[in-house]
Structure formats: structure tokens, C-alpha cells
Amino acid sequence: MTITYDDFLKVDIRVGTITAAEPFPEARKPAYKLTVDFGPEIGTKRSSAQITRHYALDELVGRQVLAVVNFPPKRIGPFTSEVLCLGLPDAEGEVVLVGPGQTVPNGGRLY
């Protein structure tokens, strides 16, 4: 399926810095609760991420990630996920987070 550039622009993908990472024992699949700072325009948002295979909680804080910030909030058990942190599958299908190769200002939009 081919889309137009205008279709692409509808998906608002921004960079943010993880400021907190917590266990999410209530999740059906192993996951963490992340708090991500997207800068002054968007602010701080929360996300549930199934990234326990490759990341320990203490190594996530300070890491920059890309996330879709204009999806509606999604209820996951007792938690509301406000953004979708993006990742790619490794050879076993486990999530590897997507982020910039260098530090960039929070809130920058992917283009």
C-alpha cells in the first residue's frame, strides 16, 4: 500500500528522554511503565513498553526514544499509556527501542 507524504505527516513521531522507569507487574506480558519528557510543547507523557528482555530499569533513565504522541490514550489494566514508544524486533521478536544516534532536543519531530 502506498501512502502520501500528507498521510505520513498525520503520525506525530517525537523524541523524548525517559525520566522514570518502573516495574509493571499487572501487565499480561512483561513490561515497564515509562515516563518520557517530550519538552515544553508536549510535556511529560507515560507509556507501557514490553522491553524487559533487553533493558534493565536502571539503564533506561536518560535514554532518548522515539514515540508516536498523537494516538489516543490506551488503557492497559490499571495504567493509561499516553504515547507509543517505537521499537524494532530482534531475531527472536523481542523489542529493541528506536532512538537518535546522537543527543537531540526533546520534542523534535521525525521527518
PDB file of N, CA and C in Angstrom:
ATOM      1  N   MET A   1       0.834  -1.170   0.000  1.00  0.00           N
ATOM      2  CA  MET A   1       0.000   0.000   0.000  1.00  0.00           C
ATOM      3  C   MET A   1       0.890   1.249   0.000  1.00  0.00           C
ATOM      4  N   THR A   2       0.604   2.177  -0.878  1.00  0.00           N
ATOM      5  CA  THR A   2       1.330   3.433  -0.959  1.00  0.00           C
ATOM      6  C   THR A   2       0.537   4.513  -0.226  1.00  0.00           C
ATOM      7  N   ILE A   3       1.259   5.359   0.526  1.00  0.00           N
ATOM      8  CA  ILE A   3       0.619   6.499   1.185  1.00  0.00           C
ATOM      9  C   ILE A   3       1.245   7.780   0.668  1.00  0.00           C
ATOM     10  N   THR A   4       0.597   8.887   0.944  1.00  0.00           N
ATOM     11  CA  THR A   4       1.140  10.184   0.540  1.00  0.00           C
ATOM     12  C   THR A   4       1.970  10.763   1.679  1.00  0.00           C
ATOM     13  N   TYR A   5       2.745  11.781   1.362  1.00  0.00           N
ATOM     14  CA  TYR A   5       3.516  12.465   2.395  1.00  0.00           C
ATOM     15  C   TYR A   5       2.576  13.084   3.423  1.00  0.00           C
ATOM     16  N   ASP A   6       1.415  13.571   2.990  1.00  0.00           N
ATOM     17  CA  ASP A   6       0.430  14.123   3.930  1.00  0.00           C
ATOM     18  C   ASP A   6      -0.053  13.051   4.909  1.00  0.00           C
ATOM     19  N   ASP A   7      -0.192  11.811   4.440  1.00  0.00           N
ATOM     20  CA  ASP A   7      -0.555  10.713   5.337  1.00  0.00           C
ATOM     21  C   ASP A   7       0.531  10.520   6.398  1.00  0.00           C
ATOM     22  N   PHE A   8       1.791  10.537   5.968  1.00  0.00           N
ATOM     23  CA  PHE A   8       2.916  10.387   6.894  1.00  0.00           C
ATOM     24  C   PHE A   8       2.892  11.482   7.950  1.00  0.00           C
ATOM     25  N   LEU A   9       2.592  12.715   7.547  1.00  0.00           N
ATOM     26  CA  LEU A   9       2.596  13.839   8.481  1.00  0.00           C
ATOM     27  C   LEU A   9       1.525  13.725   9.555  1.00  0.00           C
ATOM     28  N   LYS A  10       0.513  12.902   9.331  1.00  0.00           N
ATOM     29  CA  LYS A  10      -0.534  12.711  10.337  1.00  0.00           C
ATOM     30  C   LYS A  10      -0.017  11.977  11.566  1.00  0.00           C
ATOM     31  N   VAL A  11       1.044  11.191  11.394  1.00  0.00           N
ATOM     32  CA  VAL A  11       1.641  10.468  12.518  1.00  0.00           C
ATOM     33  C   VAL A  11       2.714  11.355  13.132  1.00  0.00           C
ATOM     34  N   ASP A  12       2.465  11.815  14.359  1.00  0.00           N
ATOM     35  CA  ASP A  12       3.377  12.738  15.036  1.00  0.00           C
ATOM     36  C   ASP A  12       4.379  11.935  15.868  1.00  0.00           C
ATOM     37  N   ILE A  13       5.588  11.747  15.325  1.00  0.00           N
ATOM     38  CA  ILE A  13       6.649  10.993  15.998  1.00  0.00           C
ATOM     39  C   ILE A  13       7.659  11.984  16.545  1.00  0.00           C
ATOM     40  N   ARG A  14       7.851  11.948  17.858  1.00  0.00           N
ATOM     41  CA  ARG A  14       8.745  12.889  18.535  1.00  0.00           C
ATOM     42  C   ARG A  14       9.792  12.141  19.348  1.00  0.00           C
ATOM     43  N   VAL A  15      10.864  12.853  19.672  1.00  0.00           N
ATOM     44  CA  VAL A  15      11.908  12.313  20.530  1.00  0.00           C
ATOM     45  C   VAL A  15      11.682  12.825  21.953  1.00  0.00           C
ATOM     46  N   GLY A  16      11.919  11.935  22.907  1.00  0.00           N
ATOM     47  CA  GLY A  16      11.815  12.312  24.315  1.00  0.00           C
ATOM     48  C   GLY A  16      12.845  11.552  25.124  1.00  0.00           C
ATOM     49  N   THR A  17      13.074  12.034  26.335  1.00  0.00           N
ATOM     50  CA  THR A  17      14.028  11.402  27.242  1.00  0.00           C
ATOM     51  C   THR A  17      13.275  10.710  28.365  1.00  0.00           C
ATOM     52  N   ILE A  18      13.590   9.455  28.603  1.00  0.00           N
ATOM     53  CA  ILE A  18      12.971   8.705  29.696  1.00  0.00           C
ATOM     54  C   ILE A  18      13.459   9.294  31.015  1.00  0.00           C
ATOM     55  N   THR A  19      12.512   9.737  31.843  1.00  0.00           N
ATOM     56  CA  THR A  19      12.864  10.330  33.136  1.00  0.00           C
ATOM     57  C   THR A  19      12.577   9.386  34.298  1.00  0.00           C
ATOM     58  N   ALA A  20      11.752   8.376  34.066  1.00  0.00           N
ATOM     59  CA  ALA A  20      11.460   7.381  35.107  1.00  0.00           C
ATOM     60  C   ALA A  20      11.051   6.078  34.433  1.00  0.00           C
ATOM     61  N   ALA A  21      11.436   4.967  35.060  1.00  0.00           N
ATOM     62  CA  ALA A  21      11.061   3.635  34.592  1.00  0.00           C
ATOM     63  C   ALA A  21      10.702   2.809  35.822  1.00  0.00           C
ATOM     64  N   GLU A  22       9.518   2.168  35.769  1.00  0.00           N
ATOM     65  CA  GLU A  22       9.019   1.411  36.910  1.00  0.00           C
ATOM     66  C   GLU A  22       8.562   0.029  36.459  1.00  0.00           C
ATOM     67  N   PRO A  23       8.570  -0.933  37.373  1.00  0.00           N
ATOM     68  CA  PRO A  23       8.012  -2.237  37.036  1.00  0.00           C
ATOM     69  C   PRO A  23       6.515  -2.109  36.755  1.00  0.00           C
ATOM     70  N   PHE A  24       5.980  -3.031  35.981  1.00  0.00           N
ATOM     71  CA  PHE A  24       4.543  -3.060  35.684  1.00  0.00           C
ATOM     72  C   PHE A  24       4.060  -4.502  35.887  1.00  0.00           C
ATOM     73  N   PRO A  25       4.005  -4.937  37.147  1.00  0.00           N
ATOM     74  CA  PRO A  25       3.679  -6.343  37.424  1.00  0.00           C
ATOM     75  C   PRO A  25       2.267  -6.747  37.004  1.00  0.00           C
ATOM     76  N   GLU A  26       1.352  -5.772  36.853  1.00  0.00           N
ATOM     77  CA  GLU A  26      -0.029  -6.094  36.474  1.00  0.00           C
ATOM     78  C   GLU A  26      -0.180  -6.396  34.978  1.00  0.00           C
ATOM     79  N   ALA A  27       0.816  -6.066  34.185  1.00  0.00           N
ATOM     80  CA  ALA A  27       0.733  -6.295  32.731  1.00  0.00           C
ATOM     81  C   ALA A  27       0.688  -7.790  32.428  1.00  0.00           C
ATOM     82  N   ARG A  28      -0.076  -8.157  31.386  1.00  0.00           N
ATOM     83  CA  ARG A  28      -0.172  -9.572  30.992  1.00  0.00           C
ATOM     84  C   ARG A  28       1.162 -10.097  30.479  1.00  0.00           C
ATOM     85  N   LYS A  29       1.857  -9.294  29.670  1.00  0.00           N
ATOM     86  CA  LYS A  29       3.197  -9.650  29.193  1.00  0.00           C
ATOM     87  C   LYS A  29       4.180  -8.757  29.941  1.00  0.00           C
ATOM     88  N   PRO A  30       5.397  -9.244  30.217  1.00  0.00           N
ATOM     89  CA  PRO A  30       6.366  -8.434  30.965  1.00  0.00           C
ATOM     90  C   PRO A  30       6.559  -7.051  30.325  1.00  0.00           C
ATOM     91  N   ALA A  31       6.433  -6.009  31.147  1.00  0.00           N
ATOM     92  CA  ALA A  31       6.518  -4.630  30.641  1.00  0.00           C
ATOM     93  C   ALA A  31       6.994  -3.695  31.752  1.00  0.00           C
ATOM     94  N   TYR A  32       7.366  -2.507  31.331  1.00  0.00           N
ATOM     95  CA  TYR A  32       7.707  -1.420  32.244  1.00  0.00           C
ATOM     96  C   TYR A  32       6.763  -0.255  32.008  1.00  0.00           C
ATOM     97  N   LYS A  33       6.599   0.575  33.038  1.00  0.00           N
ATOM     98  CA  LYS A  33       5.907   1.859  32.903  1.00  0.00           C
ATOM     99  C   LYS A  33       6.994   2.921  32.742  1.00  0.00           C
ATOM    100  N   LEU A  34       6.925   3.676  31.660  1.00  0.00           N
ATOM    101  CA  LEU A  34       7.925   4.706  31.391  1.00  0.00           C
ATOM    102  C   LEU A  34       7.297   6.089  31.492  1.00  0.00           C
ATOM    103  N   THR A  35       8.057   7.035  31.999  1.00  0.00           N
ATOM    104  CA  THR A  35       7.704   8.448  31.947  1.00  0.00           C
ATOM    105  C   THR A  35       8.713   9.101  31.018  1.00  0.00           C
ATOM    106  N   VAL A  36       8.197   9.808  29.996  1.00  0.00           N
ATOM    107  CA  VAL A  36       9.065  10.367  28.957  1.00  0.00           C
ATOM    108  C   VAL A  36       8.820  11.866  28.836  1.00  0.00           C
ATOM    109  N   ASP A  37       9.903  12.653  28.863  1.00  0.00           N
ATOM    110  CA  ASP A  37       9.839  14.113  28.717  1.00  0.00           C
ATOM    111  C   ASP A  37      10.012  14.485  27.254  1.00  0.00           C
ATOM    112  N   PHE A  38       8.961  15.071  26.667  1.00  0.00           N
ATOM    113  CA  PHE A  38       8.993  15.487  25.265  1.00  0.00           C
ATOM    114  C   PHE A  38       9.189  16.995  25.112  1.00  0.00           C
ATOM    115  N   GLY A  39       9.690  17.671  26.137  1.00  0.00           N
ATOM    116  CA  GLY A  39       9.945  19.101  26.040  1.00  0.00           C
ATOM    117  C   GLY A  39       8.709  19.932  26.345  1.00  0.00           C
ATOM    118  N   PRO A  40       8.869  21.268  26.298  1.00  0.00           N
ATOM    119  CA  PRO A  40       7.802  22.168  26.750  1.00  0.00           C
ATOM    120  C   PRO A  40       6.520  22.126  25.920  1.00  0.00           C
ATOM    121  N   GLU A  41       6.597  21.851  24.631  1.00  0.00           N
ATOM    122  CA  GLU A  41       5.394  21.872  23.790  1.00  0.00           C
ATOM    123  C   GLU A  41       4.443  20.717  24.128  1.00  0.00           C
ATOM    124  N   ILE A  42       4.991  19.529  24.360  1.00  0.00           N
ATOM    125  CA  ILE A  42       4.182  18.327  24.598  1.00  0.00           C
ATOM    126  C   ILE A  42       4.156  17.947  26.070  1.00  0.00           C
ATOM    127  N   GLY A  43       5.252  18.164  26.751  1.00  0.00           N
ATOM    128  CA  GLY A  43       5.331  17.852  28.178  1.00  0.00           C
ATOM    129  C   GLY A  43       5.734  16.409  28.438  1.00  0.00           C
ATOM    130  N   THR A  44       5.411  15.948  29.627  1.00  0.00           N
ATOM    131  CA  THR A  44       5.760  14.605  30.068  1.00  0.00           C
ATOM    132  C   THR A  44       4.572  13.679  29.839  1.00  0.00           C
ATOM    133  N   LYS A  45       4.851  12.513  29.277  1.00  0.00           N
ATOM    134  CA  LYS A  45       3.811  11.524  28.984  1.00  0.00           C
ATOM    135  C   LYS A  45       4.245  10.164  29.515  1.00  0.00           C
ATOM    136  N   ARG A  46       3.254   9.273  29.712  1.00  0.00           N
ATOM    137  CA  ARG A  46       3.525   7.926  30.215  1.00  0.00           C
ATOM    138  C   ARG A  46       3.298   6.891  29.121  1.00  0.00           C
ATOM    139  N   SER A  47       4.033   5.785  29.213  1.00  0.00           N
ATOM    140  CA  SER A  47       3.907   4.712  28.226  1.00  0.00           C
ATOM    141  C   SER A  47       4.188   3.374  28.890  1.00  0.00           C
ATOM    142  N   SER A  48       3.497   2.351  28.425  1.00  0.00           N
ATOM    143  CA  SER A  48       3.814   0.978  28.805  1.00  0.00           C
ATOM    144  C   SER A  48       4.649   0.391  27.675  1.00  0.00           C
ATOM    145  N   ALA A  49       5.734  -0.280  28.026  1.00  0.00           N
ATOM    146  CA  ALA A  49       6.623  -0.814  26.987  1.00  0.00           C
ATOM    147  C   ALA A  49       7.077  -2.228  27.353  1.00  0.00           C
ATOM    148  N   GLN A  50       6.907  -3.156  26.409  1.00  0.00           N
ATOM    149  CA  GLN A  50       7.326  -4.543  26.602  1.00  0.00           C
ATOM    150  C   GLN A  50       8.787  -4.684  26.186  1.00  0.00           C
ATOM    151  N   ILE A  51       9.665  -4.160  27.023  1.00  0.00           N
ATOM    152  CA  ILE A  51      11.092  -4.093  26.691  1.00  0.00           C
ATOM    153  C   ILE A  51      11.971  -4.736  27.763  1.00  0.00           C
ATOM    154  N   THR A  52      11.377  -5.613  28.573  1.00  0.00           N
ATOM    155  CA  THR A  52      12.108  -6.171  29.716  1.00  0.00           C
ATOM    156  C   THR A  52      13.241  -7.112  29.306  1.00  0.00           C
ATOM    157  N   ARG A  53      13.197  -7.651  28.118  1.00  0.00           N
ATOM    158  CA  ARG A  53      14.218  -8.616  27.681  1.00  0.00           C
ATOM    159  C   ARG A  53      15.585  -7.957  27.489  1.00  0.00           C
ATOM    160  N   HIS A  54      15.597  -6.741  26.939  1.00  0.00           N
ATOM    161  CA  HIS A  54      16.863  -6.093  26.607  1.00  0.00           C
ATOM    162  C   HIS A  54      17.268  -4.955  27.538  1.00  0.00           C
ATOM    163  N   TYR A  55      16.369  -4.518  28.417  1.00  0.00           N
ATOM    164  CA  TYR A  55      16.656  -3.324  29.216  1.00  0.00           C
ATOM    165  C   TYR A  55      16.348  -3.558  30.682  1.00  0.00           C
ATOM    166  N   ALA A  56      17.270  -3.134  31.535  1.00  0.00           N
ATOM    167  CA  ALA A  56      17.031  -3.102  32.975  1.00  0.00           C
ATOM    168  C   ALA A  56      16.485  -1.721  33.324  1.00  0.00           C
ATOM    169  N   LEU A  57      15.664  -1.649  34.362  1.00  0.00           N
ATOM    170  CA  LEU A  57      15.054  -0.369  34.742  1.00  0.00           C
ATOM    171  C   LEU A  57      16.090   0.735  34.909  1.00  0.00           C
ATOM    172  N   ASP A  58      17.199   0.435  35.573  1.00  0.00           N
ATOM    173  CA  ASP A  58      18.183   1.477  35.888  1.00  0.00           C
ATOM    174  C   ASP A  58      18.938   1.996  34.668  1.00  0.00           C
ATOM    175  N   GLU A  59      18.909   1.292  33.546  1.00  0.00           N
ATOM    176  CA  GLU A  59      19.620   1.786  32.358  1.00  0.00           C
ATOM    177  C   GLU A  59      18.719   2.571  31.413  1.00  0.00           C
ATOM    178  N   LEU A  60      17.434   2.651  31.718  1.00  0.00           N
ATOM    179  CA  LEU A  60      16.503   3.355  30.830  1.00  0.00           C
ATOM    180  C   LEU A  60      16.460   4.857  31.073  1.00  0.00           C
ATOM    181  N   VAL A  61      16.588   5.275  32.322  1.00  0.00           N
ATOM    182  CA  VAL A  61      16.518   6.704  32.636  1.00  0.00           C
ATOM    183  C   VAL A  61      17.662   7.435  31.945  1.00  0.00           C
ATOM    184  N   GLY A  62      17.306   8.499  31.223  1.00  0.00           N
ATOM    185  CA  GLY A  62      18.278   9.287  30.477  1.00  0.00           C
ATOM    186  C   GLY A  62      18.373   8.899  29.012  1.00  0.00           C
ATOM    187  N   ARG A  63      17.783   7.780  28.642  1.00  0.00           N
ATOM    188  CA  ARG A  63      17.827   7.309  27.251  1.00  0.00           C
ATOM    189  C   ARG A  63      16.776   8.052  26.425  1.00  0.00           C
ATOM    190  N   GLN A  64      17.149   8.459  25.224  1.00  0.00           N
ATOM    191  CA  GLN A  64      16.191   9.098  24.326  1.00  0.00           C
ATOM    192  C   GLN A  64      15.524   8.049  23.446  1.00  0.00           C
ATOM    193  N   VAL A  65      14.205   8.227  23.243  1.00  0.00           N
ATOM    194  CA  VAL A  65      13.410   7.296  22.443  1.00  0.00           C
ATOM    195  C   VAL A  65      12.511   8.080  21.494  1.00  0.00           C
ATOM    196  N   LEU A  66      12.081   7.402  20.430  1.00  0.00           N
ATOM    197  CA  LEU A  66      11.078   7.964  19.528  1.00  0.00           C
ATOM    198  C   LEU A  66       9.726   7.386  19.912  1.00  0.00           C
ATOM    199  N   ALA A  67       8.688   8.218  19.834  1.00  0.00           N
ATOM    200  CA  ALA A  67       7.350   7.764  20.195  1.00  0.00           C
ATOM    201  C   ALA A  67       6.302   8.489  19.367  1.00  0.00           C
ATOM    202  N   VAL A  68       5.201   7.791  19.101  1.00  0.00           N
ATOM    203  CA  VAL A  68       4.032   8.416  18.488  1.00  0.00           C
ATOM    204  C   VAL A  68       3.290   9.118  19.613  1.00  0.00           C
ATOM    205  N   VAL A  69       3.103  10.431  19.457  1.00  0.00           N
ATOM    206  CA  VAL A  69       2.498  11.211  20.541  1.00  0.00           C
ATOM    207  C   VAL A  69       1.056  11.634  20.252  1.00  0.00           C
ATOM    208  N   ASN A  70       0.510  11.269  19.084  1.00  0.00           N
ATOM    209  CA  ASN A  70      -0.858  11.707  18.784  1.00  0.00           C
ATOM    210  C   ASN A  70      -1.855  10.560  18.622  1.00  0.00           C
ATOM    211  N   PHE A  71      -1.551   9.392  19.200  1.00  0.00           N
ATOM    212  CA  PHE A  71      -2.563   8.346  19.322  1.00  0.00           C
ATOM    213  C   PHE A  71      -3.418   8.667  20.547  1.00  0.00           C
ATOM    214  N   PRO A  72      -4.666   8.204  20.586  1.00  0.00           N
ATOM    215  CA  PRO A  72      -5.457   8.402  21.799  1.00  0.00           C
ATOM    216  C   PRO A  72      -4.882   7.560  22.940  1.00  0.00           C
ATOM    217  N   PRO A  73      -5.077   7.983  24.189  1.00  0.00           N
ATOM    218  CA  PRO A  73      -4.594   7.176  25.325  1.00  0.00           C
ATOM    219  C   PRO A  73      -5.198   5.776  25.281  1.00  0.00           C
ATOM    220  N   LYS A  74      -4.407   4.798  25.747  1.00  0.00           N
ATOM    221  CA  LYS A  74      -4.858   3.403  25.751  1.00  0.00           C
ATOM    222  C   LYS A  74      -4.764   2.861  27.174  1.00  0.00           C
ATOM    223  N   ARG A  75      -5.870   2.314  27.638  1.00  0.00           N
ATOM    224  CA  ARG A  75      -5.909   1.735  28.984  1.00  0.00           C
ATOM    225  C   ARG A  75      -5.311   0.331  28.933  1.00  0.00           C
ATOM    226  N   ILE A  76      -4.319   0.084  29.792  1.00  0.00           N
ATOM    227  CA  ILE A  76      -3.689  -1.231  29.897  1.00  0.00           C
ATOM    228  C   ILE A  76      -3.801  -1.630  31.363  1.00  0.00           C
ATOM    229  N   GLY A  77      -4.827  -2.393  31.684  1.00  0.00           N
ATOM    230  CA  GLY A  77      -5.093  -2.739  33.081  1.00  0.00           C
ATOM    231  C   GLY A  77      -5.313  -1.464  33.882  1.00  0.00           C
ATOM    232  N   PRO A  78      -4.583  -1.299  34.984  1.00  0.00           N
ATOM    233  CA  PRO A  78      -4.767  -0.115  35.829  1.00  0.00           C
ATOM    234  C   PRO A  78      -3.988   1.122  35.347  1.00  0.00           C
ATOM    235  N   PHE A  79      -3.365   1.044  34.186  1.00  0.00           N
ATOM    236  CA  PHE A  79      -2.444   2.078  33.708  1.00  0.00           C
ATOM    237  C   PHE A  79      -2.947   2.652  32.381  1.00  0.00           C
ATOM    238  N   THR A  80      -2.772   3.963  32.195  1.00  0.00           N
ATOM    239  CA  THR A  80      -3.112   4.594  30.923  1.00  0.00           C
ATOM    240  C   THR A  80      -1.824   4.957  30.191  1.00  0.00           C
ATOM    241  N   SER A  81      -1.645   4.371  29.013  1.00  0.00           N
ATOM    242  CA  SER A  81      -0.489   4.656  28.166  1.00  0.00           C
ATOM    243  C   SER A  81      -0.869   5.801  27.230  1.00  0.00           C
ATOM    244  N   GLU A  82      -0.106   6.899  27.280  1.00  0.00           N
ATOM    245  CA  GLU A  82      -0.427   8.111  26.519  1.00  0.00           C
ATOM    246  C   GLU A  82       0.315   8.214  25.194  1.00  0.00           C
ATOM    247  N   VAL A  83       1.447   7.522  25.068  1.00  0.00           N
ATOM    248  CA  VAL A  83       2.248   7.548  23.841  1.00  0.00           C
ATOM    249  C   VAL A  83       2.712   6.132  23.528  1.00  0.00           C
ATOM    250  N   LEU A  84       3.088   5.901  22.267  1.00  0.00           N
ATOM    251  CA  LEU A  84       3.605   4.604  21.850  1.00  0.00           C
ATOM    252  C   LEU A  84       5.093   4.743  21.560  1.00  0.00           C
ATOM    253  N   CYS A  85       5.928   4.198  22.460  1.00  0.00           N
ATOM    254  CA  CYS A  85       7.368   4.185  22.222  1.00  0.00           C
ATOM    255  C   CYS A  85       7.652   3.189  21.109  1.00  0.00           C
ATOM    256  N   LEU A  86       8.495   3.582  20.171  1.00  0.00           N
ATOM    257  CA  LEU A  86       8.751   2.768  18.985  1.00  0.00           C
ATOM    258  C   LEU A  86       9.940   1.836  19.172  1.00  0.00           C
ATOM    259  N   GLY A  87       9.847   0.669  18.556  1.00  0.00           N
ATOM    260  CA  GLY A  87      10.920  -0.305  18.632  1.00  0.00           C
ATOM    261  C   GLY A  87      10.919  -1.187  17.404  1.00  0.00           C
ATOM    262  N   LEU A  88      11.948  -1.977  17.314  1.00  0.00           N
ATOM    263  CA  LEU A  88      12.106  -2.948  16.225  1.00  0.00           C
ATOM    264  C   LEU A  88      12.332  -4.316  16.846  1.00  0.00           C
ATOM    265  N   PRO A  89      11.905  -5.393  16.155  1.00  0.00           N
ATOM    266  CA  PRO A  89      12.131  -6.734  16.710  1.00  0.00           C
ATOM    267  C   PRO A  89      13.564  -7.198  16.473  1.00  0.00           C
ATOM    268  N   ASP A  90      14.119  -7.869  17.488  1.00  0.00           N
ATOM    269  CA  ASP A  90      15.408  -8.522  17.277  1.00  0.00           C
ATOM    270  C   ASP A  90      15.142  -9.874  16.599  1.00  0.00           C
ATOM    271  N   ALA A  91      16.136 -10.722  16.487  1.00  0.00           N
ATOM    272  CA  ALA A  91      15.990 -12.006  15.792  1.00  0.00           C
ATOM    273  C   ALA A  91      14.960 -12.927  16.448  1.00  0.00           C
ATOM    274  N   GLU A  92      14.699 -12.730  17.753  1.00  0.00           N
ATOM    275  CA  GLU A  92      13.712 -13.547  18.467  1.00  0.00           C
ATOM    276  C   GLU A  92      12.372 -12.836  18.622  1.00  0.00           C
ATOM    277  N   GLY A  93      12.242 -11.635  18.020  1.00  0.00           N
ATOM    278  CA  GLY A  93      10.987 -10.900  18.114  1.00  0.00           C
ATOM    279  C   GLY A  93      10.859 -10.016  19.337  1.00  0.00           C
ATOM    280  N   GLU A  94      11.919  -9.871  20.119  1.00  0.00           N
ATOM    281  CA  GLU A  94      11.894  -9.006  21.305  1.00  0.00           C
ATOM    282  C   GLU A  94      12.168  -7.564  20.904  1.00  0.00           C
ATOM    283  N   VAL A  95      11.567  -6.616  21.602  1.00  0.00           N
ATOM    284  CA  VAL A  95      11.617  -5.207  21.222  1.00  0.00           C
ATOM    285  C   VAL A  95      12.958  -4.557  21.566  1.00  0.00           C
ATOM    286  N   VAL A  96      13.504  -3.861  20.578  1.00  0.00           N
ATOM    287  CA  VAL A  96      14.684  -3.002  20.748  1.00  0.00           C
ATOM    288  C   VAL A  96      14.204  -1.584  20.472  1.00  0.00           C
ATOM    289  N   LEU A  97      14.387  -0.688  21.443  1.00  0.00           N
ATOM    290  CA  LEU A  97      13.906   0.691  21.303  1.00  0.00           C
ATOM    291  C   LEU A  97      14.587   1.432  20.158  1.00  0.00           C
ATOM    292  N   VAL A  98      13.840   2.364  19.552  1.00  0.00           N
ATOM    293  CA  VAL A  98      14.366   3.215  18.496  1.00  0.00           C
ATOM    294  C   VAL A  98      14.646   4.593  19.093  1.00  0.00           C
ATOM    295  N   GLY A  99      15.832   5.124  18.820  1.00  0.00           N
ATOM    296  CA  GLY A  99      16.196   6.452  19.310  1.00  0.00           C
ATOM    297  C   GLY A  99      17.240   7.070  18.408  1.00  0.00           C
ATOM    298  N   PRO A 100      17.529   8.346  18.625  1.00  0.00           N
ATOM    299  CA  PRO A 100      18.532   9.014  17.789  1.00  0.00           C
ATOM    300  C   PRO A 100      19.940   8.508  18.091  1.00  0.00           C
ATOM    301  N   GLY A 101      20.814   8.638  17.107  1.00  0.00           N
ATOM    302  CA  GLY A 101      22.212   8.239  17.266  1.00  0.00           C
ATOM    303  C   GLY A 101      23.029   9.237  18.062  1.00  0.00           C
ATOM    304  N   GLN A 102      22.506  10.446  18.208  1.00  0.00           N
ATOM    305  CA  GLN A 102      23.144  11.494  18.999  1.00  0.00           C
ATOM    306  C   GLN A 102      22.071  12.158  19.847  1.00  0.00           C
ATOM    307  N   THR A 103      22.462  12.824  20.919  1.00  0.00           N
ATOM    308  CA  THR A 103      21.504  13.536  21.752  1.00  0.00           C
ATOM    309  C   THR A 103      20.938  14.712  20.973  1.00  0.00           C
ATOM    310  N   VAL A 104      19.614  14.830  20.987  1.00  0.00           N
ATOM    311  CA  VAL A 104      18.913  15.919  20.310  1.00  0.00           C
ATOM    312  C   VAL A 104      17.925  16.540  21.294  1.00  0.00           C
ATOM    313  N   PRO A 105      17.429  17.760  21.031  1.00  0.00           N
ATOM    314  CA  PRO A 105      16.478  18.384  21.947  1.00  0.00           C
ATOM    315  C   PRO A 105      15.171  17.591  22.028  1.00  0.00           C
ATOM    316  N   ASN A 106      14.660  17.439  23.246  1.00  0.00           N
ATOM    317  CA  ASN A 106      13.379  16.758  23.441  1.00  0.00           C
ATOM    318  C   ASN A 106      12.276  17.480  22.671  1.00  0.00           C
ATOM    319  N   GLY A 107      11.386  16.699  22.087  1.00  0.00           N
ATOM    320  CA  GLY A 107      10.249  17.254  21.357  1.00  0.00           C
ATOM    321  C   GLY A 107      10.479  17.354  19.875  1.00  0.00           C
ATOM    322  N   GLY A 108      11.703  17.121  19.407  1.00  0.00           N
ATOM    323  CA  GLY A 108      11.973  17.191  17.964  1.00  0.00           C
ATOM    324  C   GLY A 108      11.123  16.196  17.210  1.00  0.00           C
ATOM    325  N   ARG A 109      10.572  16.629  16.082  1.00  0.00           N
ATOM    326  CA  ARG A 109       9.680  15.778  15.285  1.00  0.00           C
ATOM    327  C   ARG A 109      10.464  15.034  14.208  1.00  0.00           C
ATOM    328  N   LEU A 110      10.153  13.765  14.043  1.00  0.00           N
ATOM    329  CA  LEU A 110      10.772  12.947  12.999  1.00  0.00           C
ATOM    330  C   LEU A 110      10.275  13.423  11.631  1.00  0.00           C
ATOM    331  N   TYR A 111      11.203  13.595  10.706  1.00  0.00           N
ATOM    332  CA  TYR A 111      10.834  13.915   9.320  1.00  0.00           C
ATOM    333  C   TYR A 111      11.781  13.249   8.369  1.00  0.00           C
TER     334      TYR A 111
END
